[in-house]
Amino acid sequence: MKKRMTWAEQQYEENKELVDNLMEGLPLLVSCKQAQGLLNISRASIYRLVDKGYLDKVSFNMANKDAKKKGGKPTMRITNTSIRKLLIRWLTKE
């Protein structure tokens, strides 16, 4: 016998499908600018969500090892999965 879904569970599943369709075809890691577009928020808000742990980031350095200037600024990317989770959370009323 199949368990009947509650309204909240049904809403969650519908929102998950909607978000999955929106995020289809995007890479596993997206730039801050791409995340801004997907969430329709400012760059500062993206960084705030990363700092608060709502979005997961991956940082890496793209400096050329042969370049005279050592180090360089690290590049940040946001994980596709964390954006999906956040969008579903925002869309699903609890």
Protein backbone atom coordinates (compact mmCIF):
# COMPACT_ATOMS: atom_id res chain seq x y z
CA MET A 1 0.00 0.00 0.00
CA LYS A 2 1.42 3.37 -1.04
CA LYS A 3 1.68 6.00 1.69
CA ARG A 4 -0.36 9.10 1.02
CA MET A 5 1.73 12.28 0.89
CA THR A 6 0.95 15.22 3.13
CA TRP A 7 0.43 18.66 1.63
CA ALA A 8 3.94 19.74 2.71
CA GLU A 9 5.52 16.61 1.18
CA GLN A 10 3.62 17.15 -2.05
CA GLN A 11 4.67 20.81 -2.18
CA TYR A 12 8.29 19.81 -1.53
CA GLU A 13 8.25 17.30 -4.40
CA GLU A 14 6.68 19.83 -6.79
CA ASN A 15 9.25 22.47 -5.84
CA LYS A 16 12.09 19.96 -6.18
CA GLU A 17 10.96 19.13 -9.73
CA LEU A 18 10.67 22.84 -10.58
CA VAL A 19 14.17 23.58 -9.26
CA ASP A 20 15.66 20.52 -10.96
CA ASN A 21 14.25 21.76 -14.29
CA LEU A 22 15.66 25.25 -13.66
CA MET A 23 19.12 23.92 -12.80
CA GLU A 24 19.24 21.34 -15.61
CA GLY A 25 22.33 21.64 -17.75
CA LEU A 26 24.27 23.84 -15.32
CA PRO A 27 27.76 22.77 -14.24
CA LEU A 28 28.42 21.29 -10.79
CA LEU A 29 30.14 24.53 -9.77
CA VAL A 30 28.75 27.94 -10.73
CA SER A 31 30.29 31.39 -10.52
CA CYS A 32 29.08 34.04 -8.12
CA LYS A 33 27.52 35.88 -11.06
CA GLN A 34 25.62 32.76 -12.18
CA ALA A 35 24.42 32.18 -8.60
CA GLN A 36 23.26 35.82 -8.45
CA GLY A 37 21.19 35.27 -11.59
CA LEU A 38 19.67 32.03 -10.37
CA LEU A 39 18.73 33.40 -6.96
CA ASN A 40 18.02 36.97 -8.14
CA ILE A 41 20.03 38.49 -5.29
CA SER A 42 23.08 40.73 -4.96
CA ARG A 43 26.71 39.66 -4.84
CA ALA A 44 26.87 40.70 -1.19
CA SER A 45 23.90 38.45 -0.44
CA ILE A 46 25.67 35.51 -2.09
CA TYR A 47 28.68 36.05 0.17
CA ARG A 48 26.41 36.39 3.21
CA LEU A 49 24.69 33.08 2.38
CA VAL A 50 28.10 31.44 1.99
CA ASP A 51 29.28 32.87 5.34
CA LYS A 52 26.11 31.64 7.08
CA GLY A 53 26.50 28.16 5.57
CA TYR A 54 23.43 28.20 3.31
CA LEU A 55 25.58 27.94 0.20
CA ASP A 56 28.65 25.72 -0.14
CA LYS A 57 31.71 27.16 -1.84
CA VAL A 58 34.80 25.74 -3.44
CA SER A 59 37.87 28.00 -3.61
CA PHE A 60 40.91 27.46 -5.75
CA ASN A 61 43.78 29.49 -7.11
CA MET A 62 44.09 29.88 -10.87
CA ALA A 63 47.47 31.64 -10.84
CA ASN A 64 49.90 30.49 -13.48
CA LYS A 65 52.79 28.74 -11.75
CA ASP A 66 55.23 30.26 -14.26
CA ALA A 67 53.99 33.79 -13.62
CA LYS A 68 56.32 36.22 -11.86
CA LYS A 69 53.60 37.18 -9.44
CA LYS A 70 53.07 34.42 -6.90
CA GLY A 71 49.78 33.66 -5.26
CA GLY A 72 46.95 35.61 -6.75
CA LYS A 73 43.38 35.90 -5.72
CA PRO A 74 41.51 32.64 -5.10
CA THR A 75 38.52 31.93 -7.31
CA MET A 76 35.25 30.98 -5.63
CA ARG A 77 32.55 28.76 -7.07
CA ILE A 78 29.21 27.82 -5.52
CA THR A 79 28.05 24.21 -5.61
CA ASN A 80 25.04 23.48 -7.76
CA THR A 81 23.66 21.19 -5.04
CA SER A 82 23.65 23.90 -2.36
CA ILE A 83 21.80 26.29 -4.70
CA ARG A 84 19.21 23.58 -5.39
CA LYS A 85 18.70 22.96 -1.66
CA LEU A 86 18.37 26.66 -0.91
CA LEU A 87 15.85 27.26 -3.71
CA ILE A 88 13.73 24.31 -2.58
CA ARG A 89 13.90 25.56 0.99
CA TRP A 90 12.80 29.07 -0.03
CA LEU A 91 9.95 27.75 -2.17
CA THR A 92 8.62 25.22 0.33
CA LYS A 93 6.56 26.70 3.09
CA GLU A 94 7.07 25.05 6.43
